[in-house]
Protein backbone atom coordinates (compact mmCIF):
# COMPACT_ATOMS: atom_id res chain seq x y z
CA MET A 1 92.47 55.60 67.19
CA SER A 2 90.69 55.18 63.76
CA LYS A 3 88.27 57.77 62.42
CA MET A 4 85.36 55.31 62.83
CA THR A 5 86.37 54.64 66.45
CA LYS A 6 86.49 58.45 67.21
CA LEU A 7 83.04 58.79 65.64
CA LEU A 8 81.65 55.99 67.70
CA SER A 9 83.13 57.44 70.81
CA ALA A 10 81.66 60.87 69.95
CA SER A 11 78.23 59.28 69.51
CA ALA A 12 78.49 57.42 72.74
CA LEU A 13 79.40 60.58 74.47
CA ALA A 14 76.52 62.50 72.99
CA VAL A 15 74.01 59.82 74.16
CA LEU A 16 75.58 60.18 77.72
CA LEU A 17 75.25 63.92 77.67
CA ALA A 18 71.70 63.82 76.34
CA ALA A 19 70.59 61.41 79.08
CA PRO A 20 67.54 62.39 81.22
CA GLY A 21 68.37 65.02 83.75
CA THR A 22 71.20 66.63 81.82
CA ALA A 23 70.86 70.27 80.89
CA LEU A 24 71.02 70.74 77.12
CA ALA A 25 69.90 74.38 76.80
CA ALA A 26 72.67 76.56 75.21
CA ASP A 27 73.47 80.05 76.62
CA SER A 28 75.06 82.37 74.10
CA SER A 29 75.84 81.04 70.58
CA ASP A 30 79.33 82.57 70.84
CA PRO A 31 82.11 80.05 71.65
CA ILE A 32 83.30 79.47 75.10
CA ILE A 33 87.01 79.72 74.70
CA ILE A 34 89.13 77.35 76.68
CA PRO A 35 93.01 77.81 76.94
CA THR A 36 95.29 74.93 76.76
CA HIS A 37 99.01 74.80 77.99
CA ASN A 38 101.91 72.46 77.79
CA TRP A 39 101.18 69.67 80.31
CA SER A 40 98.89 66.74 79.75
CA SER A 41 96.49 66.87 82.60
CA GLN A 42 95.52 70.47 81.75
CA ILE A 43 95.00 69.67 78.06
CA VAL A 44 92.87 66.61 78.89
CA MET A 45 90.94 68.46 81.56
CA SER A 46 90.20 71.32 79.12
CA HIS A 47 88.76 68.88 76.59
CA VAL A 48 86.71 67.08 79.37
CA VAL A 49 85.11 70.22 80.31
CA GLY A 50 84.79 71.47 76.77
CA GLN A 51 82.90 68.26 75.81
CA MET A 52 80.75 68.74 78.83
CA PHE A 53 79.95 72.19 77.68
CA GLU A 54 79.29 71.02 74.16
CA GLY A 55 76.88 68.36 75.44
CA MET A 56 74.96 71.17 77.14
CA GLY A 57 74.44 72.75 73.66
CA ASN A 58 77.46 75.25 73.79
CA ASN A 59 80.06 76.07 71.10
CA VAL A 60 83.64 75.57 72.38
CA GLU A 61 87.03 76.63 70.98
CA TYR A 62 90.38 75.66 72.28
CA VAL A 63 93.32 78.17 72.10
CA SER A 64 96.97 77.30 72.99
CA THR A 65 98.01 79.92 75.56
CA ASP A 66 101.10 80.91 77.64
CA SER A 67 100.45 79.48 81.18
CA GLN A 68 101.51 82.78 82.84
CA ALA A 69 99.93 85.25 80.37
CA VAL A 70 96.61 83.36 80.37
CA TYR A 71 95.36 85.30 83.40
CA GLU A 72 95.62 88.57 81.67
CA SER A 73 93.76 86.88 78.74
CA VAL A 74 90.95 85.67 81.07
CA ARG A 75 90.79 89.23 82.67
CA LEU A 76 90.24 90.71 79.26
CA GLY A 77 87.67 88.21 78.06
CA ASP A 78 90.02 86.88 75.23
CA VAL A 79 89.65 83.39 76.87
CA THR A 80 86.77 82.43 79.03
CA LEU A 81 88.27 80.53 81.94
CA GLU A 82 91.34 78.67 83.35
CA LEU A 83 90.84 75.20 84.63
CA GLU A 84 94.18 74.66 86.54
CA VAL A 85 95.45 77.40 88.67
CA TRP A 86 98.38 75.90 90.54
CA GLU A 87 99.30 77.84 93.62
CA GLY A 88 103.01 77.21 93.36
CA ALA A 89 103.45 77.91 89.65
CA PHE A 90 100.79 80.43 88.89
CA GLY A 91 99.55 81.95 92.20
CA VAL A 92 101.54 85.27 91.70
CA ALA A 93 100.20 85.72 88.18
CA PHE A 94 96.70 84.83 89.28
CA GLU A 95 96.77 87.27 92.20
CA GLU A 96 98.00 90.07 90.11
CA ALA A 97 95.28 89.60 87.54
CA LEU A 98 92.66 89.45 90.37
CA SER A 99 93.84 92.73 91.70
CA LYS A 100 93.21 94.45 88.35
CA GLY A 101 89.66 93.07 87.98
CA GLY A 102 87.97 91.22 85.20
CA LEU A 103 88.30 87.75 86.43
CA HIS A 104 87.57 85.99 89.66
CA ASP A 105 88.06 82.79 91.58
CA ALA A 106 85.65 80.27 90.38
CA GLY A 107 86.25 77.69 93.14
CA ASP A 108 88.82 75.16 94.13
CA HIS A 109 89.20 71.50 92.97
CA ASP A 110 89.37 68.94 95.67
CA ALA A 111 92.93 68.09 94.56
CA VAL A 112 95.83 69.24 96.69
CA THR A 113 99.03 70.21 94.86
CA ARG A 114 102.64 70.21 95.36
CA GLU A 115 105.37 71.34 92.73
CA ASP A 116 109.11 71.14 93.64
CA TRP A 117 112.42 69.43 93.16
CA TRP A 118 111.98 65.77 93.12
CA TYR A 119 114.04 62.59 92.85
CA PRO A 120 113.39 58.89 92.18
CA ASP A 121 113.74 56.68 95.26
CA TYR A 122 117.07 54.97 94.32
CA VAL A 123 118.73 58.43 94.51
CA ALA A 124 118.30 58.37 98.17
CA GLU A 125 120.64 55.47 98.34
CA LEU A 126 123.35 57.47 96.52
CA CYS A 127 122.92 60.63 98.54
CA PRO A 128 122.51 59.98 102.25
CA GLY A 129 120.50 62.57 104.11
CA LEU A 130 117.75 63.06 101.57
CA PRO A 131 115.13 64.63 101.28
CA ASP A 132 116.85 67.40 103.18
CA TRP A 133 117.97 70.10 100.79
CA GLU A 134 121.34 70.54 102.56
CA ALA A 135 122.08 66.88 102.23
CA LEU A 136 121.21 67.15 98.43
CA ASN A 137 123.73 70.19 98.22
CA LYS A 138 126.49 68.22 99.76
CA CYS A 139 125.96 65.70 96.91
CA ALA A 140 125.90 68.40 94.12
CA ASP A 141 128.92 67.07 92.32
CA MET A 142 127.05 63.74 91.86
CA PHE A 143 124.52 65.47 89.75
CA ALA A 144 127.06 67.33 87.55
CA THR A 145 126.96 66.98 83.78
CA PRO A 146 129.31 68.34 80.96
CA GLU A 147 127.02 71.36 80.54
CA THR A 148 127.01 72.29 84.27
CA GLY A 149 130.85 71.86 84.91
CA GLY A 150 131.35 71.05 88.55
CA LYS A 151 127.91 72.08 89.65
CA GLY A 152 125.00 69.79 90.06
CA ARG A 153 122.24 69.89 87.38
CA PHE A 154 118.69 70.52 88.44
CA LEU A 155 116.42 69.71 85.53
CA GLY A 156 113.67 72.17 85.67
CA GLY A 157 110.38 72.47 83.72
CA PRO A 158 109.93 74.56 80.59
CA VAL A 159 111.12 78.23 80.99
CA ASP A 160 107.46 79.59 80.77
CA TRP A 161 106.44 77.77 83.95
CA LEU A 162 108.48 80.45 85.80
CA LYS A 163 109.46 78.35 88.93
CA HIS A 164 112.26 80.76 90.01
CA ASP A 165 114.53 77.83 90.70
CA ALA A 166 117.69 79.88 89.75
CA GLU A 167 116.64 82.45 92.46
CA ARG A 168 116.29 79.68 95.00
CA VAL A 169 119.71 78.23 94.07
CA GLU A 170 121.21 81.70 94.67
CA ALA A 171 119.32 82.54 97.77
CA LEU A 172 120.24 79.20 99.53
CA GLY A 173 123.80 79.20 98.19
CA MET A 174 123.37 75.83 96.46
CA ASN A 175 126.05 74.40 94.17
CA PHE A 176 123.55 73.65 91.46
CA GLN A 177 122.75 75.00 87.96
CA VAL A 178 119.28 75.01 86.56
CA VAL A 179 118.79 73.45 83.12
CA ASN A 180 115.23 73.79 81.80
CA ALA A 181 113.59 71.06 79.84
CA GLY A 182 111.78 71.92 76.77
CA SER A 183 108.54 70.11 77.70
CA ALA A 184 107.01 67.90 80.29
CA SER A 185 107.66 64.89 78.01
CA ALA A 186 111.28 65.92 77.97
CA LEU A 187 111.32 65.64 81.84
CA TRP A 188 109.85 62.15 81.79
CA ALA A 189 112.33 60.96 78.93
CA GLU A 190 115.35 62.13 81.01
CA LEU A 191 113.92 60.43 84.05
CA GLU A 192 113.46 57.13 82.26
CA ALA A 193 116.98 57.25 80.72
CA ALA A 194 118.48 57.98 84.26
CA LYS A 195 116.65 55.15 85.95
CA LYS A 196 117.90 52.69 83.28
CA ARG A 197 121.47 53.71 84.22
CA ASN A 198 120.83 54.03 87.95
CA ALA A 199 122.22 57.60 87.40
CA PRO A 200 121.61 60.40 89.91
CA ILE A 201 118.90 62.83 88.77
CA VAL A 202 116.97 65.73 90.40
CA LEU A 203 114.09 67.24 88.39
CA PHE A 204 111.01 69.21 88.64
CA ASN A 205 107.82 67.20 89.42
CA TRP A 206 104.44 67.88 90.67
CA THR A 207 101.30 66.12 92.17
CA PRO A 208 98.83 65.23 91.00
CA ASN A 209 100.70 63.56 88.18
CA PHE A 210 100.89 60.13 86.67
CA VAL A 211 104.60 59.87 87.62
CA GLU A 212 103.90 59.07 91.32
CA ALA A 213 102.18 55.89 90.35
CA ILE A 214 104.93 54.69 88.06
CA HIS A 215 108.12 56.07 89.62
CA PRO A 216 108.32 56.15 93.41
CA GLY A 217 110.30 58.97 94.68
CA ALA A 218 110.10 62.05 96.99
CA PHE A 219 110.15 65.81 97.10
CA VAL A 220 113.30 67.57 98.31
CA GLU A 221 112.47 69.30 101.62
CA PHE A 222 113.61 73.02 101.48
CA PRO A 223 113.00 75.59 104.29
CA GLU A 224 109.14 75.75 104.72
CA TYR A 225 107.23 78.00 102.44
CA PHE A 226 105.87 81.27 104.02
CA PRO A 227 103.79 84.00 102.49
CA GLY A 228 106.59 86.61 102.26
CA CYS A 229 109.05 84.23 100.72
CA LYS A 230 108.84 85.60 97.28
CA ASP A 231 108.73 89.30 98.11
CA ASP A 232 110.18 89.99 101.64
CA ALA A 233 113.79 89.08 102.09
CA SER A 234 113.77 89.78 105.83
CA GLN A 235 111.49 86.94 106.73
CA GLY A 236 113.39 83.91 105.35
CA PRO A 237 116.64 82.15 106.45
CA ASN A 238 118.71 84.43 104.07
CA PRO A 239 117.98 88.08 105.12
CA ASN A 240 119.42 89.40 101.86
CA ALA A 241 117.27 87.38 99.34
CA THR A 242 113.78 86.24 98.57
CA TYR A 243 112.84 82.70 97.19
CA ASP A 244 114.78 81.14 100.13
CA CYS A 245 112.01 78.53 100.64
CA GLY A 246 110.31 75.58 99.13
CA ASN A 247 106.92 75.76 97.27
CA PRO A 248 103.76 75.23 99.32
CA ALA A 249 103.53 71.59 100.34
CA ASN A 250 99.68 71.65 100.23
CA GLY A 251 98.95 74.16 97.46
CA TYR A 252 95.57 74.96 95.98
CA LEU A 253 94.28 74.10 92.50
CA LYS A 254 91.62 76.66 91.50
CA LYS A 255 89.45 77.56 88.59
CA ALA A 256 89.37 81.16 87.12
CA ALA A 257 86.66 82.66 85.13
CA TRP A 258 86.16 85.82 83.13
CA ASP A 259 83.60 88.12 84.98
CA GLY A 260 81.38 88.08 81.87
CA MET A 261 81.03 84.38 81.77
CA LYS A 262 78.27 84.13 84.38
CA ASP A 263 76.08 86.37 82.38
CA LYS A 264 76.93 85.25 78.93
CA TRP A 265 76.85 81.47 79.55
CA PRO A 266 75.08 81.11 82.96
CA ALA A 267 74.33 77.35 82.78
CA ALA A 268 77.97 76.64 81.70
CA TYR A 269 79.25 79.03 84.41
CA GLU A 270 77.21 77.17 86.98
CA ALA A 271 78.60 73.83 85.84
CA LEU A 272 82.08 75.30 86.15
CA THR A 273 81.62 76.28 89.75
CA LYS A 274 80.61 72.80 90.59
CA ILE A 275 83.48 71.03 88.77
CA SER A 276 86.09 69.73 91.31
CA PHE A 277 88.58 66.98 90.24
CA THR A 278 90.63 64.96 92.81
CA ASN A 279 94.29 64.12 92.69
CA ALA A 280 93.47 60.62 91.37
CA GLN A 281 91.27 61.90 88.57
CA ILE A 282 93.88 64.38 87.47
CA ALA A 283 96.62 61.76 87.54
CA GLU A 284 94.47 59.48 85.47
CA MET A 285 93.91 62.10 82.84
CA ALA A 286 97.64 62.63 82.46
CA LYS A 287 98.23 58.88 82.40
CA LEU A 288 95.88 58.43 79.39
CA VAL A 289 98.01 60.62 77.32
CA ASP A 290 101.56 60.19 78.79
CA VAL A 291 101.42 56.42 79.35
CA ASP A 292 98.56 55.01 77.26
CA GLU A 293 99.50 57.62 74.41
CA MET A 294 95.91 58.70 73.57
CA GLU A 295 95.28 61.88 71.83
CA PRO A 296 93.89 64.44 74.35
CA GLU A 297 90.45 64.68 72.73
CA ASP A 298 90.13 60.84 72.84
CA ALA A 299 91.57 60.78 76.36
CA ALA A 300 88.81 63.32 77.36
CA THR A 301 86.08 61.12 75.75
CA ALA A 302 87.32 57.98 77.48
CA TRP A 303 87.39 59.75 80.82
CA LEU A 304 83.91 61.06 80.58
CA GLU A 305 82.56 57.61 79.45
CA ALA A 306 84.22 56.02 82.54
CA ASN A 307 83.24 58.67 85.05
CA GLU A 308 79.68 59.42 84.26
CA ASP A 309 78.57 59.42 87.88
CA THR A 310 81.20 62.13 88.67
CA TRP A 311 80.38 64.72 85.99
CA LYS A 312 76.75 64.36 85.54
CA ALA A 313 76.10 66.02 88.89
CA TRP A 314 77.93 69.03 87.60
CA VAL A 315 75.83 69.64 84.47
CA ASN A 316 72.45 68.97 85.83
């Protein structure tokens, strides 16, 4: 996008935000600090909300932050909020920070999440019995690569997403080895390459995500998630191990806020509590970057311009 186009988009957004009925009174002049992570929907969503806050007259800063450590940063007030608290990936870190105090649950999005092992639909023809995890395990050698020897390769997300896939493999006695991709874009590049060769692949995926609209597929069905799966070995199918279950099939997507936000930026905080994105909206945010190849800031502006009826109710 050219510099002139960016300026025009920013001007158009300013007009939208300044329209009648939109709150423009700033709270504190200090910046609202919004963390960004390493997946597209979260980065675009952060800029969507940041541009909304700026349109209300606030200052905003963005800081790249580890997706697990961010809850301690919110708790201490080093960053102001977190917009995508995924139950499967970050529920434990979020709950631990909640127990210490300093941050709180700022409400759920309408979106329902799932994060787990996933395969494109053509793999079901190569490995009969899918999506059952035991059927997948019987086909493990089909997924083997030179780096995994005779074991099947599961392509996991970046290490800092802490999905505990290796613990699950061990707990369920699976003949797989976890290999972590360096980024979300690396996952999609491997998926594209495998599809071109009709090669077996099983990898980490999640919903909401643009992938489901472009690459039909299915999640692997592991033993059903239960609350004690991650900390009480006695409750699962393996009485000697934790993580012997899948991730929640209908997980939450929450927002978290520093306790001081509601007093320091009351109007922005009120808007935050109203914000609630759907699966389709979040998938669209990811698509603007991962498919349409827009910069996150431009994608956020484009999303706001196309969804005025949605977000204006949150900032009034």
